[in-house]
Structures are given as structure tokens and as C-alpha cells.
Amino acid sequence: SKSKQPDAVDRVVHLFEEMKRKGIQPNEVSYNILIRAHARSNRSKGMDRAEELISEMKINGIQPNVVTYNTLLDAYSKSKRPD
């Protein structure tokens, strides 16, 4: 059987985790890219994960910036979510 190819979100997550394993501290740009990947994905929990990442940013002392919020605003405006 054919194994599932990693999609863009999987690759972004993998690189983000690899970065942390190598001792490179993610910054707001790193998080914004990860948030955008999740928010734009067609995954059922993509927006939930994007919101969790904003909490993770704050816990790690990284303040979400205008790009972070604009990414979420854009994703919500295009979202088919009932809430």
C-alpha cells in the first residue's frame, strides 16, 4: 500500500520541531509561518491548532504581532466553520 505523502503542514511542523531540537529558538516569524500553515490547511483542527500555537508563543515569552493576528483574521474570514 502507498504511504501517505507528507503535506505542507507536516513539512512545516517537522522543520519547526527540528529547529527546536537543534537549539534554535523559534521567534515570532517562525511561529507566524507555522500558524499560517495550520490556519490555511483544510484540516478539521487547523484553526484550533493555530490558536494553541498563539498560547504557546505567549508561554514562551514571544508576543504575537500584527502579522499573527492578521493571519488569524484572514483564516477566519475564509473559514467554513460554523462558530
Protein backbone atom coordinates (compact mmCIF):
# COMPACT_ATOMS: atom_id res chain seq x y z
CA SER A 1 0.00 0.00 0.00
CA LYS A 2 1.10 3.55 -0.70
CA SER A 3 2.18 5.55 2.33
CA LYS A 4 0.66 8.98 2.79
CA GLN A 5 2.97 11.70 1.48
CA PRO A 6 3.65 14.46 3.99
CA ASP A 7 1.75 17.60 3.11
CA ALA A 8 2.94 21.19 3.54
CA VAL A 9 1.74 21.35 7.15
CA ASP A 10 3.61 18.14 8.02
CA ARG A 11 6.80 19.54 6.49
CA VAL A 12 6.47 22.87 8.29
CA VAL A 13 5.84 21.13 11.62
CA HIS A 14 8.80 18.80 11.03
CA LEU A 15 11.16 21.70 10.31
CA PHE A 16 9.86 23.69 13.29
CA GLU A 17 10.48 20.72 15.61
CA GLU A 18 13.90 20.08 14.07
CA MET A 19 14.79 23.72 14.65
CA LYS A 20 13.90 23.42 18.35
CA ARG A 21 15.81 20.11 18.68
CA LYS A 22 18.91 21.84 17.31
CA GLY A 23 18.62 24.53 19.97
CA ILE A 24 17.42 27.27 17.62
CA GLN A 25 14.79 29.33 19.43
CA PRO A 26 11.69 29.97 17.34
CA ASN A 27 10.71 33.63 17.08
CA GLU A 28 7.51 35.39 16.04
CA VAL A 29 8.32 34.84 12.35
CA SER A 30 8.75 31.07 12.88
CA TYR A 31 5.50 30.87 14.81
CA ASN A 32 3.64 33.01 12.26
CA ILE A 33 4.64 30.64 9.46
CA LEU A 34 3.55 27.63 11.50
CA ILE A 35 0.27 29.33 12.45
CA ARG A 36 -0.40 30.26 8.82
CA ALA A 37 0.25 26.67 7.68
CA HIS A 38 -2.28 25.31 10.17
CA ALA A 39 -4.81 28.09 9.62
CA ARG A 40 -4.77 27.65 5.83
CA SER A 41 -4.87 23.88 5.92
CA ASN A 42 -8.08 22.02 5.26
CA ARG A 43 -7.59 20.02 8.42
CA SER A 44 -10.56 19.85 10.76
CA LYS A 45 -8.47 21.06 13.70
CA GLY A 46 -6.27 23.50 11.77
CA MET A 47 -7.70 26.66 13.33
CA ASP A 48 -7.72 25.08 16.79
CA ARG A 49 -4.03 24.27 16.41
CA ALA A 50 -3.30 27.80 15.18
CA GLU A 51 -4.94 29.20 18.32
CA GLU A 52 -2.98 26.78 20.53
CA LEU A 53 0.24 27.99 18.93
CA ILE A 54 -0.58 31.58 19.90
CA SER A 55 -0.90 30.42 23.52
CA GLU A 56 2.40 28.54 23.17
CA MET A 57 4.05 31.71 21.84
CA LYS A 58 2.93 33.68 24.89
CA ILE A 59 4.06 30.93 27.28
CA ASN A 60 7.49 31.06 25.60
CA GLY A 61 7.67 34.84 26.03
CA ILE A 62 7.05 35.63 22.36
CA GLN A 63 4.39 38.26 21.78
CA PRO A 64 2.04 37.72 18.85
CA ASN A 65 2.35 40.65 16.47
CA VAL A 66 0.18 42.26 13.80
CA VAL A 67 1.10 39.52 11.31
CA THR A 68 -0.01 36.84 13.79
CA TYR A 69 -3.41 38.43 14.24
CA ASN A 70 -3.82 39.28 10.56
CA THR A 71 -3.11 35.64 9.72
CA LEU A 72 -5.91 34.53 12.04
CA LEU A 73 -8.29 37.23 10.83
CA ASP A 74 -7.71 36.19 7.23
CA ALA A 75 -8.14 32.50 8.01
CA TYR A 76 -11.36 33.09 9.97
CA SER A 77 -12.75 35.25 7.17
CA LYS A 78 -12.27 32.34 4.76
CA SER A 79 -13.27 29.63 7.20
CA LYS A 80 -16.32 27.46 6.74
CA ARG A 81 -16.51 26.86 10.49
CA PRO A 82 -19.98 27.34 11.96
CA ASP A 83 -18.61 29.16 15.02
